[in-house]
Amino acid sequence: MKNVLEFEGGYQAVITYDPEIEMFRGEFVGLNGGADFYVKDAESLKREGKTSLDVFLRMCAEDGVQPKKTQGKFALRLPPDVYHSAAVAAAAEGKSLNTFITDAVRQAVAGA
């Protein structure tokens, strides 16, 4: 995936560049808390990312917290016409709207 660094254990960090401070920022996603890191050069991304992740995982272990989110929930707001079209399409396929949208998102990220 573009702008995503993979780390041991299936952890992933999205990398962005902030021209205002002239630094790269890595932010881990899918965690039960925040873990990020900043570096000046691309060569430091993996090293600093590993350090940040190690600190986060150690804190989770100390607190007895599962580091990864096990399920994602979010409210999806759709314009009325899109909602109606999606509900009709889901019903036509014999699926719940949730399953229909999950399948669409799964298909979209599979090609990323």
PDB file of N, CA and C in Angstrom:
ATOM      1  N   MET A   1       0.829  -1.181   0.000  1.00  0.00           N
ATOM      2  CA  MET A   1       0.000   0.000   0.000  1.00  0.00           C
ATOM      3  C   MET A   1       0.872   1.244   0.000  1.00  0.00           C
ATOM      4  N   LYS A   2       0.380   2.250  -0.630  1.00  0.00           N
ATOM      5  CA  LYS A   2       1.088   3.519  -0.732  1.00  0.00           C
ATOM      6  C   LYS A   2       1.134   4.210   0.633  1.00  0.00           C
ATOM      7  N   ASN A   3       2.318   4.702   1.010  1.00  0.00           N
ATOM      8  CA  ASN A   3       2.518   5.454   2.250  1.00  0.00           C
ATOM      9  C   ASN A   3       2.224   4.659   3.511  1.00  0.00           C
ATOM     10  N   VAL A   4       2.362   3.325   3.448  1.00  0.00           N
ATOM     11  CA  VAL A   4       2.136   2.481   4.615  1.00  0.00           C
ATOM     12  C   VAL A   4       3.386   1.643   4.857  1.00  0.00           C
ATOM     13  N   LEU A   5       3.890   1.691   6.079  1.00  0.00           N
ATOM     14  CA  LEU A   5       5.014   0.841   6.474  1.00  0.00           C
ATOM     15  C   LEU A   5       4.482  -0.338   7.262  1.00  0.00           C
ATOM     16  N   GLU A   6       4.986  -1.517   6.945  1.00  0.00           N
ATOM     17  CA  GLU A   6       4.592  -2.748   7.629  1.00  0.00           C
ATOM     18  C   GLU A   6       5.616  -3.061   8.718  1.00  0.00           C
ATOM     19  N   PHE A   7       5.118  -3.479   9.875  1.00  0.00           N
ATOM     20  CA  PHE A   7       5.986  -3.852  10.986  1.00  0.00           C
ATOM     21  C   PHE A   7       5.641  -5.266  11.438  1.00  0.00           C
ATOM     22  N   GLU A   8       6.579  -5.891  12.124  1.00  0.00           N
ATOM     23  CA  GLU A   8       6.387  -7.242  12.625  1.00  0.00           C
ATOM     24  C   GLU A   8       5.106  -7.328  13.449  1.00  0.00           C
ATOM     25  N   GLY A   9       4.400  -8.429  13.299  1.00  0.00           N
ATOM     26  CA  GLY A   9       3.158  -8.623  14.032  1.00  0.00           C
ATOM     27  C   GLY A   9       1.934  -8.108  13.303  1.00  0.00           C
ATOM     28  N   GLY A  10       2.116  -7.659  12.051  1.00  0.00           N
ATOM     29  CA  GLY A  10       0.983  -7.159  11.273  1.00  0.00           C
ATOM     30  C   GLY A  10       0.599  -5.724  11.590  1.00  0.00           C
ATOM     31  N   TYR A  11       1.461  -4.997  12.278  1.00  0.00           N
ATOM     32  CA  TYR A  11       1.180  -3.597  12.578  1.00  0.00           C
ATOM     33  C   TYR A  11       1.545  -2.735  11.384  1.00  0.00           C
ATOM     34  N   GLN A  12       0.762  -1.675  11.175  1.00  0.00           N
ATOM     35  CA  GLN A  12       0.973  -0.794  10.026  1.00  0.00           C
ATOM     36  C   GLN A  12       0.942   0.666  10.473  1.00  0.00           C
ATOM     37  N   ALA A  13       1.813   1.461   9.855  1.00  0.00           N
ATOM     38  CA  ALA A  13       1.849   2.893  10.130  1.00  0.00           C
ATOM     39  C   ALA A  13       1.701   3.645   8.814  1.00  0.00           C
ATOM     40  N   VAL A  14       0.838   4.638   8.815  1.00  0.00           N
ATOM     41  CA  VAL A  14       0.651   5.510   7.652  1.00  0.00           C
ATOM     42  C   VAL A  14       1.681   6.636   7.771  1.00  0.00           C
ATOM     43  N   ILE A  15       2.399   6.875   6.676  1.00  0.00           N
ATOM     44  CA  ILE A  15       3.469   7.867   6.669  1.00  0.00           C
ATOM     45  C   ILE A  15       3.025   9.097   5.872  1.00  0.00           C
ATOM     46  N   THR A  16       3.206  10.266   6.471  1.00  0.00           N
ATOM     47  CA  THR A  16       2.919  11.530   5.801  1.00  0.00           C
ATOM     48  C   THR A  16       4.132  12.442   5.983  1.00  0.00           C
ATOM     49  N   TYR A  17       4.183  13.491   5.190  1.00  0.00           N
ATOM     50  CA  TYR A  17       5.254  14.470   5.329  1.00  0.00           C
ATOM     51  C   TYR A  17       4.639  15.817   5.670  1.00  0.00           C
ATOM     52  N   ASP A  18       5.171  16.461   6.694  1.00  0.00           N
ATOM     53  CA  ASP A  18       4.696  17.769   7.102  1.00  0.00           C
ATOM     54  C   ASP A  18       5.733  18.810   6.688  1.00  0.00           C
ATOM     55  N   PRO A  19       5.477  19.532   5.590  1.00  0.00           N
ATOM     56  CA  PRO A  19       6.454  20.512   5.111  1.00  0.00           C
ATOM     57  C   PRO A  19       6.657  21.681   6.074  1.00  0.00           C
ATOM     58  N   GLU A  20       5.686  21.929   6.923  1.00  0.00           N
ATOM     59  CA  GLU A  20       5.791  23.035   7.870  1.00  0.00           C
ATOM     60  C   GLU A  20       6.921  22.803   8.875  1.00  0.00           C
ATOM     61  N   ILE A  21       7.078  21.568   9.317  1.00  0.00           N
ATOM     62  CA  ILE A  21       8.146  21.250  10.271  1.00  0.00           C
ATOM     63  C   ILE A  21       9.263  20.430   9.614  1.00  0.00           C
ATOM     64  N   GLU A  22       9.100  20.163   8.317  1.00  0.00           N
ATOM     65  CA  GLU A  22      10.074  19.414   7.526  1.00  0.00           C
ATOM     66  C   GLU A  22      10.413  18.067   8.160  1.00  0.00           C
ATOM     67  N   MET A  23       9.349  17.318   8.512  1.00  0.00           N
ATOM     68  CA  MET A  23       9.531  16.003   9.110  1.00  0.00           C
ATOM     69  C   MET A  23       8.503  15.024   8.564  1.00  0.00           C
ATOM     70  N   PHE A  24       8.890  13.757   8.574  1.00  0.00           N
ATOM     71  CA  PHE A  24       7.958  12.686   8.271  1.00  0.00           C
ATOM     72  C   PHE A  24       7.254  12.308   9.562  1.00  0.00           C
ATOM     73  N   ARG A  25       5.980  11.946   9.440  1.00  0.00           N
ATOM     74  CA  ARG A  25       5.218  11.476  10.597  1.00  0.00           C
ATOM     75  C   ARG A  25       4.689  10.098  10.276  1.00  0.00           C
ATOM     76  N   GLY A  26       4.860   9.192  11.208  1.00  0.00           N
ATOM     77  CA  GLY A  26       4.271   7.867  11.097  1.00  0.00           C
ATOM     78  C   GLY A  26       3.216   7.720  12.166  1.00  0.00           C
ATOM     79  N   GLU A  27       2.058   7.223  11.776  1.00  0.00           N
ATOM     80  CA  GLU A  27       0.973   7.017  12.738  1.00  0.00           C
ATOM     81  C   GLU A  27       0.458   5.600  12.587  1.00  0.00           C
ATOM     82  N   PHE A  28       0.541   4.819  13.657  1.00  0.00           N
ATOM     83  CA  PHE A  28       0.030   3.453  13.629  1.00  0.00           C
ATOM     84  C   PHE A  28      -1.486   3.474  13.621  1.00  0.00           C
ATOM     85  N   VAL A  29      -2.067   2.582  12.850  1.00  0.00           N
ATOM     86  CA  VAL A  29      -3.525   2.505  12.732  1.00  0.00           C
ATOM     87  C   VAL A  29      -4.008   1.153  13.249  1.00  0.00           C
ATOM     88  N   GLY A  30      -5.252   1.128  13.700  1.00  0.00           N
ATOM     89  CA  GLY A  30      -5.852  -0.114  14.171  1.00  0.00           C
ATOM     90  C   GLY A  30      -5.462  -0.487  15.585  1.00  0.00           C
ATOM     91  N   LEU A  31      -5.014   0.502  16.363  1.00  0.00           N
ATOM     92  CA  LEU A  31      -4.599   0.234  17.734  1.00  0.00           C
ATOM     93  C   LEU A  31      -5.635   0.732  18.726  1.00  0.00           C
ATOM     94  N   ASN A  32      -5.585   0.194  19.925  1.00  0.00           N
ATOM     95  CA  ASN A  32      -6.448   0.647  21.017  1.00  0.00           C
ATOM     96  C   ASN A  32      -5.797   1.815  21.756  1.00  0.00           C
ATOM     97  N   GLY A  33      -5.225   2.715  21.033  1.00  0.00           N
ATOM     98  CA  GLY A  33      -4.551   3.877  21.591  1.00  0.00           C
ATOM     99  C   GLY A  33      -3.713   4.523  20.510  1.00  0.00           C
ATOM    100  N   GLY A  34      -3.025   5.575  20.869  1.00  0.00           N
ATOM    101  CA  GLY A  34      -2.239   6.290  19.881  1.00  0.00           C
ATOM    102  C   GLY A  34      -0.762   5.932  19.954  1.00  0.00           C
ATOM    103  N   ALA A  35      -0.163   5.776  18.802  1.00  0.00           N
ATOM    104  CA  ALA A  35       1.281   5.564  18.705  1.00  0.00           C
ATOM    105  C   ALA A  35       1.749   6.210  17.415  1.00  0.00           C
ATOM    106  N   ASP A  36       2.629   7.188  17.544  1.00  0.00           N
ATOM    107  CA  ASP A  36       3.159   7.852  16.348  1.00  0.00           C
ATOM    108  C   ASP A  36       4.612   8.211  16.569  1.00  0.00           C
ATOM    109  N   PHE A  37       5.249   8.695  15.519  1.00  0.00           N
ATOM    110  CA  PHE A  37       6.658   9.046  15.589  1.00  0.00           C
ATOM    111  C   PHE A  37       6.969  10.052  14.491  1.00  0.00           C
ATOM    112  N   TYR A  38       8.004  10.858  14.718  1.00  0.00           N
ATOM    113  CA  TYR A  38       8.459  11.869  13.771  1.00  0.00           C
ATOM    114  C   TYR A  38       9.935  11.655  13.479  1.00  0.00           C
ATOM    115  N   VAL A  39      10.317  11.824  12.226  1.00  0.00           N
ATOM    116  CA  VAL A  39      11.726  11.697  11.840  1.00  0.00           C
ATOM    117  C   VAL A  39      12.055  12.723  10.766  1.00  0.00           C
ATOM    118  N   LYS A  40      13.332  13.049  10.653  1.00  0.00           N
ATOM    119  CA  LYS A  40      13.790  14.022   9.657  1.00  0.00           C
ATOM    120  C   LYS A  40      14.035  13.396   8.295  1.00  0.00           C
ATOM    121  N   ASP A  41      14.410  12.103   8.276  1.00  0.00           N
ATOM    122  CA  ASP A  41      14.765  11.486   7.002  1.00  0.00           C
ATOM    123  C   ASP A  41      14.096  10.120   6.857  1.00  0.00           C
ATOM    124  N   ALA A  42      13.927   9.716   5.622  1.00  0.00           N
ATOM    125  CA  ALA A  42      13.226   8.469   5.319  1.00  0.00           C
ATOM    126  C   ALA A  42      13.938   7.244   5.883  1.00  0.00           C
ATOM    127  N   GLU A  43      15.259   7.307   5.992  1.00  0.00           N
ATOM    128  CA  GLU A  43      16.021   6.166   6.489  1.00  0.00           C
ATOM    129  C   GLU A  43      15.689   5.841   7.942  1.00  0.00           C
ATOM    130  N   SER A  44      15.222   6.820   8.692  1.00  0.00           N
ATOM    131  CA  SER A  44      14.934   6.636  10.119  1.00  0.00           C
ATOM    132  C   SER A  44      13.527   6.108  10.387  1.00  0.00           C
ATOM    133  N   LEU A  45      12.696   6.035   9.369  1.00  0.00           N
ATOM    134  CA  LEU A  45      11.293   5.660   9.580  1.00  0.00           C
ATOM    135  C   LEU A  45      11.129   4.306  10.263  1.00  0.00           C
ATOM    136  N   LYS A  46      11.757   3.267   9.728  1.00  0.00           N
ATOM    137  CA  LYS A  46      11.603   1.914  10.299  1.00  0.00           C
ATOM    138  C   LYS A  46      12.132   1.860  11.735  1.00  0.00           C
ATOM    139  N   ARG A  47      13.308   2.442  11.970  1.00  0.00           N
ATOM    140  CA  ARG A  47      13.916   2.379  13.299  1.00  0.00           C
ATOM    141  C   ARG A  47      13.042   3.078  14.341  1.00  0.00           C
ATOM    142  N   GLU A  48      12.644   4.304  14.043  1.00  0.00           N
ATOM    143  CA  GLU A  48      11.833   5.059  15.008  1.00  0.00           C
ATOM    144  C   GLU A  48      10.432   4.469  15.140  1.00  0.00           C
ATOM    145  N   GLY A  49       9.908   3.951  14.041  1.00  0.00           N
ATOM    146  CA  GLY A  49       8.611   3.291  14.100  1.00  0.00           C
ATOM    147  C   GLY A  49       8.647   2.086  15.019  1.00  0.00           C
ATOM    148  N   LYS A  50       9.693   1.289  14.911  1.00  0.00           N
ATOM    149  CA  LYS A  50       9.841   0.103  15.765  1.00  0.00           C
ATOM    150  C   LYS A  50       9.948   0.516  17.224  1.00  0.00           C
ATOM    151  N   THR A  51      10.708   1.576  17.484  1.00  0.00           N
ATOM    152  CA  THR A  51      10.856   2.055  18.862  1.00  0.00           C
ATOM    153  C   THR A  51       9.508   2.498  19.419  1.00  0.00           C
ATOM    154  N   SER A  52       8.763   3.281  18.641  1.00  0.00           N
ATOM    155  CA  SER A  52       7.450   3.766  19.076  1.00  0.00           C
ATOM    156  C   SER A  52       6.499   2.604  19.328  1.00  0.00           C
ATOM    157  N   LEU A  53       6.499   1.639  18.410  1.00  0.00           N
ATOM    158  CA  LEU A  53       5.622   0.480  18.564  1.00  0.00           C
ATOM    159  C   LEU A  53       6.016  -0.338  19.783  1.00  0.00           C
ATOM    160  N   ASP A  54       7.305  -0.534  20.004  1.00  0.00           N
ATOM    161  CA  ASP A  54       7.768  -1.301  21.172  1.00  0.00           C
ATOM    162  C   ASP A  54       7.306  -0.654  22.474  1.00  0.00           C
ATOM    163  N   VAL A  55       7.400   0.674  22.559  1.00  0.00           N
ATOM    164  CA  VAL A  55       6.942   1.396  23.756  1.00  0.00           C
ATOM    165  C   VAL A  55       5.439   1.196  23.937  1.00  0.00           C
ATOM    166  N   PHE A  56       4.680   1.342  22.852  1.00  0.00           N
ATOM    167  CA  PHE A  56       3.228   1.166  22.927  1.00  0.00           C
ATOM    168  C   PHE A  56       2.875  -0.243  23.391  1.00  0.00           C
ATOM    169  N   LEU A  57       3.509  -1.255  22.800  1.00  0.00           N
ATOM    170  CA  LEU A  57       3.210  -2.647  23.162  1.00  0.00           C
ATOM    171  C   LEU A  57       3.595  -2.943  24.610  1.00  0.00           C
ATOM    172  N   ARG A  58       4.698  -2.394  25.073  1.00  0.00           N
ATOM    173  CA  ARG A  58       5.112  -2.589  26.471  1.00  0.00           C
ATOM    174  C   ARG A  58       4.081  -1.971  27.417  1.00  0.00           C
ATOM    175  N   MET A  59       3.601  -0.772  27.096  1.00  0.00           N
ATOM    176  CA  MET A  59       2.589  -0.121  27.939  1.00  0.00           C
ATOM    177  C   MET A  59       1.297  -0.924  27.957  1.00  0.00           C
ATOM    178  N   CYS A  60       0.908  -1.472  26.799  1.00  0.00           N
ATOM    179  CA  CYS A  60      -0.298  -2.299  26.750  1.00  0.00           C
ATOM    180  C   CYS A  60      -0.145  -3.530  27.637  1.00  0.00           C
ATOM    181  N   ALA A  61       1.024  -4.169  27.566  1.00  0.00           N
ATOM    182  CA  ALA A  61       1.274  -5.360  28.385  1.00  0.00           C
ATOM    183  C   ALA A  61       1.214  -5.018  29.874  1.00  0.00           C
ATOM    184  N   GLU A  62       1.801  -3.890  30.245  1.00  0.00           N
ATOM    185  CA  GLU A  62       1.787  -3.465  31.647  1.00  0.00           C
ATOM    186  C   GLU A  62       0.375  -3.179  32.136  1.00  0.00           C
ATOM    187  N   ASP A  63      -0.460  -2.628  31.260  1.00  0.00           N
ATOM    188  CA  ASP A  63      -1.833  -2.261  31.628  1.00  0.00           C
ATOM    189  C   ASP A  63      -2.844  -3.365  31.367  1.00  0.00           C
ATOM    190  N   GLY A  64      -2.394  -4.471  30.774  1.00  0.00           N
ATOM    191  CA  GLY A  64      -3.309  -5.572  30.460  1.00  0.00           C
ATOM    192  C   GLY A  64      -4.305  -5.230  29.366  1.00  0.00           C
ATOM    193  N   VAL A  65      -3.877  -4.415  28.402  1.00  0.00           N
ATOM    194  CA  VAL A  65      -4.744  -3.962  27.317  1.00  0.00           C
ATOM    195  C   VAL A  65      -4.364  -4.679  26.030  1.00  0.00           C
ATOM    196  N   GLN A  66      -5.361  -5.129  25.281  1.00  0.00           N
ATOM    197  CA  GLN A  66      -5.139  -5.714  23.958  1.00  0.00           C
ATOM    198  C   GLN A  66      -4.683  -4.586  23.030  1.00  0.00           C
ATOM    199  N   PRO A  67      -3.501  -4.707  22.386  1.00  0.00           N
ATOM    200  CA  PRO A  67      -2.995  -3.584  21.573  1.00  0.00           C
ATOM    201  C   PRO A  67      -3.806  -3.292  20.316  1.00  0.00           C
ATOM    202  N   LYS A  68      -4.308  -4.324  19.655  1.00  0.00           N
ATOM    203  CA  LYS A  68      -5.042  -4.113  18.403  1.00  0.00           C
ATOM    204  C   LYS A  68      -6.538  -4.055  18.654  1.00  0.00           C
ATOM    205  N   LYS A  69      -7.198  -3.193  17.904  1.00  0.00           N
ATOM    206  CA  LYS A  69      -8.657  -3.184  17.916  1.00  0.00           C
ATOM    207  C   LYS A  69      -9.124  -4.486  17.291  1.00  0.00           C
ATOM    208  N   THR A  70     -10.106  -5.111  17.896  1.00  0.00           N
ATOM    209  CA  THR A  70     -10.591  -6.378  17.356  1.00  0.00           C
ATOM    210  C   THR A  70     -11.773  -6.205  16.426  1.00  0.00           C
ATOM    211  N   GLN A  71     -12.445  -5.082  16.533  1.00  0.00           N
ATOM    212  CA  GLN A  71     -13.601  -4.828  15.680  1.00  0.00           C
ATOM    213  C   GLN A  71     -13.726  -3.334  15.472  1.00  0.00           C
ATOM    214  N   GLY A  72     -14.087  -2.964  14.274  1.00  0.00           N
ATOM    215  CA  GLY A  72     -14.265  -1.550  13.995  1.00  0.00           C
ATOM    216  C   GLY A  72     -15.737  -1.191  13.894  1.00  0.00           C
ATOM    217  N   LYS A  73     -16.103  -0.100  14.523  1.00  0.00           N
ATOM    218  CA  LYS A  73     -17.462   0.413  14.423  1.00  0.00           C
ATOM    219  C   LYS A  73     -17.377   1.888  14.096  1.00  0.00           C
ATOM    220  N   PHE A  74     -18.243   2.320  13.197  1.00  0.00           N
ATOM    221  CA  PHE A  74     -18.338   3.743  12.929  1.00  0.00           C
ATOM    222  C   PHE A  74     -19.702   4.033  12.334  1.00  0.00           C
ATOM    223  N   ALA A  75     -20.138   5.254  12.541  1.00  0.00           N
ATOM    224  CA  ALA A  75     -21.410   5.677  11.970  1.00  0.00           C
ATOM    225  C   ALA A  75     -21.148   6.171  10.555  1.00  0.00           C
ATOM    226  N   LEU A  76     -21.907   5.670   9.628  1.00  0.00           N
ATOM    227  CA  LEU A  76     -21.754   6.062   8.231  1.00  0.00           C
ATOM    228  C   LEU A  76     -22.957   6.917   7.846  1.00  0.00           C
ATOM    229  N   ARG A  77     -22.679   8.131   7.473  1.00  0.00           N
ATOM    230  CA  ARG A  77     -23.748   9.032   7.055  1.00  0.00           C
ATOM    231  C   ARG A  77     -23.739   9.119   5.540  1.00  0.00           C
ATOM    232  N   LEU A  78     -24.837   8.725   4.956  1.00  0.00           N
ATOM    233  CA  LEU A  78     -24.978   8.749   3.502  1.00  0.00           C
ATOM    234  C   LEU A  78     -26.070   9.728   3.113  1.00  0.00           C
ATOM    235  N   PRO A  79     -25.911  10.367   1.970  1.00  0.00           N
ATOM    236  CA  PRO A  79     -27.030  11.175   1.463  1.00  0.00           C
ATOM    237  C   PRO A  79     -28.235  10.259   1.239  1.00  0.00           C
ATOM    238  N   PRO A  80     -29.448  10.764   1.407  1.00  0.00           N
ATOM    239  CA  PRO A  80     -30.637   9.926   1.288  1.00  0.00           C
ATOM    240  C   PRO A  80     -30.710   9.107  -0.003  1.00  0.00           C
ATOM    241  N   ASP A  81     -30.339   9.700  -1.123  1.00  0.00           N
ATOM    242  CA  ASP A  81     -30.433   8.962  -2.380  1.00  0.00           C
ATOM    243  C   ASP A  81     -29.430   7.804  -2.435  1.00  0.00           C
ATOM    244  N   VAL A  82     -28.226   8.011  -1.887  1.00  0.00           N
ATOM    245  CA  VAL A  82     -27.216   6.948  -1.862  1.00  0.00           C
ATOM    246  C   VAL A  82     -27.649   5.842  -0.905  1.00  0.00           C
ATOM    247  N   TYR A  83     -28.188   6.230   0.249  1.00  0.00           N
ATOM    248  CA  TYR A  83     -28.675   5.253   1.216  1.00  0.00           C
ATOM    249  C   TYR A  83     -29.765   4.375   0.592  1.00  0.00           C
ATOM    250  N   HIS A  84     -30.699   5.004  -0.076  1.00  0.00           N
ATOM    251  CA  HIS A  84     -31.798   4.264  -0.693  1.00  0.00           C
ATOM    252  C   HIS A  84     -31.265   3.311  -1.766  1.00  0.00           C
ATOM    253  N   SER A  85     -30.398   3.816  -2.622  1.00  0.00           N
ATOM    254  CA  SER A  85     -29.836   2.967  -3.684  1.00  0.00           C
ATOM    255  C   SER A  85     -29.061   1.790  -3.105  1.00  0.00           C
ATOM    256  N   ALA A  86     -28.292   2.032  -2.045  1.00  0.00           N
ATOM    257  CA  ALA A  86     -27.518   0.957  -1.411  1.00  0.00           C
ATOM    258  C   ALA A  86     -28.446  -0.062  -0.761  1.00  0.00           C
ATOM    259  N   ALA A  87     -29.500   0.398  -0.114  1.00  0.00           N
ATOM    260  CA  ALA A  87     -30.448  -0.511   0.528  1.00  0.00           C
ATOM    261  C   ALA A  87     -31.147  -1.394  -0.508  1.00  0.00           C
ATOM    262  N   VAL A  88     -31.522  -0.814  -1.623  1.00  0.00           N
ATOM    263  CA  VAL A  88     -32.165  -1.579  -2.700  1.00  0.00           C
ATOM    264  C   VAL A  88     -31.173  -2.586  -3.281  1.00  0.00           C
ATOM    265  N   ALA A  89     -29.942  -2.160  -3.555  1.00  0.00           N
ATOM    266  CA  ALA A  89     -28.935  -3.061  -4.118  1.00  0.00           C
ATOM    267  C   ALA A  89     -28.618  -4.201  -3.163  1.00  0.00           C
ATOM    268  N   ALA A  90     -28.532  -3.911  -1.865  1.00  0.00           N
ATOM    269  CA  ALA A  90     -28.266  -4.949  -0.870  1.00  0.00           C
ATOM    270  C   ALA A  90     -29.402  -5.964  -0.839  1.00  0.00           C
ATOM    271  N   ALA A  91     -30.618  -5.472  -0.807  1.00  0.00           N
ATOM    272  CA  ALA A  91     -31.780  -6.370  -0.781  1.00  0.00           C
ATOM    273  C   ALA A  91     -31.844  -7.230  -2.034  1.00  0.00           C
ATOM    274  N   ALA A  92     -31.500  -6.641  -3.169  1.00  0.00           N
ATOM    275  CA  ALA A  92     -31.517  -7.383  -4.430  1.00  0.00           C
ATOM    276  C   ALA A  92     -30.500  -8.519  -4.420  1.00  0.00           C
ATOM    277  N   GLU A  93     -29.409  -8.350  -3.662  1.00  0.00           N
ATOM    278  CA  GLU A  93     -28.396  -9.395  -3.546  1.00  0.00           C
ATOM    279  C   GLU A  93     -28.649 -10.309  -2.352  1.00  0.00           C
ATOM    280  N   GLY A  94     -29.752 -10.076  -1.632  1.00  0.00           N
ATOM    281  CA  GLY A  94     -30.071 -10.901  -0.475  1.00  0.00           C
ATOM    282  C   GLY A  94     -29.128 -10.667   0.693  1.00  0.00           C
ATOM    283  N   LYS A  95     -28.607  -9.454   0.801  1.00  0.00           N
ATOM    284  CA  LYS A  95     -27.659  -9.124   1.857  1.00  0.00           C
ATOM    285  C   LYS A  95     -28.221  -8.031   2.748  1.00  0.00           C
ATOM    286  N   SER A  96     -27.708  -7.977   3.973  1.00  0.00           N
ATOM    287  CA  SER A  96     -28.013  -6.826   4.826  1.00  0.00           C
ATOM    288  C   SER A  96     -27.223  -5.641   4.290  1.00  0.00           C
ATOM    289  N   LEU A  97     -27.644  -4.452   4.652  1.00  0.00           N
ATOM    290  CA  LEU A  97     -26.922  -3.260   4.220  1.00  0.00           C
ATOM    291  C   LEU A  97     -25.500  -3.274   4.781  1.00  0.00           C
ATOM    292  N   ASN A  98     -25.349  -3.737   6.014  1.00  0.00           N
ATOM    293  CA  ASN A  98     -24.017  -3.814   6.617  1.00  0.00           C
ATOM    294  C   ASN A  98     -23.106  -4.744   5.819  1.00  0.00           C
ATOM    295  N   THR A  99     -23.598  -5.908   5.459  1.00  0.00           N
ATOM    296  CA  THR A  99     -22.805  -6.858   4.678  1.00  0.00           C
ATOM    297  C   THR A  99     -22.479  -6.288   3.306  1.00  0.00           C
ATOM    298  N   PHE A 100     -23.450  -5.640   2.682  1.00  0.00           N
ATOM    299  CA  PHE A 100     -23.251  -5.041   1.371  1.00  0.00           C
ATOM    300  C   PHE A 100     -22.131  -3.992   1.414  1.00  0.00           C
ATOM    301  N   ILE A 101     -22.166  -3.123   2.428  1.00  0.00           N
ATOM    302  CA  ILE A 101     -21.154  -2.080   2.548  1.00  0.00           C
ATOM    303  C   ILE A 101     -19.806  -2.681   2.927  1.00  0.00           C
ATOM    304  N   THR A 102     -19.798  -3.666   3.813  1.00  0.00           N
ATOM    305  CA  THR A 102     -18.551  -4.348   4.174  1.00  0.00           C
ATOM    306  C   THR A 102     -17.903  -4.962   2.944  1.00  0.00           C
ATOM    307  N   ASP A 103     -18.695  -5.623   2.106  1.00  0.00           N
ATOM    308  CA  ASP A 103     -18.167  -6.221   0.876  1.00  0.00           C
ATOM    309  C   ASP A 103     -17.593  -5.160  -0.057  1.00  0.00           C
ATOM    310  N   ALA A 104     -18.266  -4.014  -0.153  1.00  0.00           N
ATOM    311  CA  ALA A 104     -17.792  -2.937  -1.022  1.00  0.00           C
ATOM    312  C   ALA A 104     -16.462  -2.367  -0.513  1.00  0.00           C
ATOM    313  N   VAL A 105     -16.356  -2.180   0.794  1.00  0.00           N
ATOM    314  CA  VAL A 105     -15.110  -1.673   1.360  1.00  0.00           C
ATOM    315  C   VAL A 105     -13.998  -2.700   1.195  1.00  0.00           C
ATOM    316  N   ARG A 106     -14.312  -3.969   1.454  1.00  0.00           N
ATOM    317  CA  ARG A 106     -13.310  -5.041   1.287  1.00  0.00           C
ATOM    318  C   ARG A 106     -12.771  -5.060  -0.142  1.00  0.00           C
ATOM    319  N   GLN A 107     -13.658  -4.920  -1.108  1.00  0.00           N
ATOM    320  CA  GLN A 107     -13.255  -4.906  -2.518  1.00  0.00           C
ATOM    321  C   GLN A 107     -12.402  -3.671  -2.823  1.00  0.00           C
ATOM    322  N   ALA A 108     -12.761  -2.552  -2.258  1.00  0.00           N
ATOM    323  CA  ALA A 108     -12.016  -1.308  -2.510  1.00  0.00           C
ATOM    324  C   ALA A 108     -10.610  -1.369  -1.943  1.00  0.00           C
ATOM    325  N   VAL A 109     -10.435  -1.939  -0.759  1.00  0.00           N
ATOM    326  CA  VAL A 109      -9.099  -1.978  -0.150  1.00  0.00           C
ATOM    327  C   VAL A 109      -8.259  -3.128  -0.668  1.00  0.00           C
ATOM    328  N   ALA A 110      -8.863  -4.125  -1.287  1.00  0.00           N
ATOM    329  CA  ALA A 110      -8.121  -5.260  -1.838  1.00  0.00           C
ATOM    330  C   ALA A 110      -7.212  -4.803  -2.981  1.00  0.00           C
ATOM    331  N   GLY A 111      -7.646  -3.818  -3.714  1.00  0.00           N
ATOM    332  CA  GLY A 111      -6.860  -3.320  -4.842  1.00  0.00           C
ATOM    333  C   GLY A 111      -5.885  -2.219  -4.461  1.00  0.00           C
ATOM    334  N   ALA A 112      -5.933  -1.797  -3.193  1.00  0.00           N
ATOM    335  CA  ALA A 112      -5.070  -0.675  -2.774  1.00  0.00           C
ATOM    336  C   ALA A 112      -3.637  -1.097  -2.575  1.00  0.00           C
TER     337      ALA A 112
END
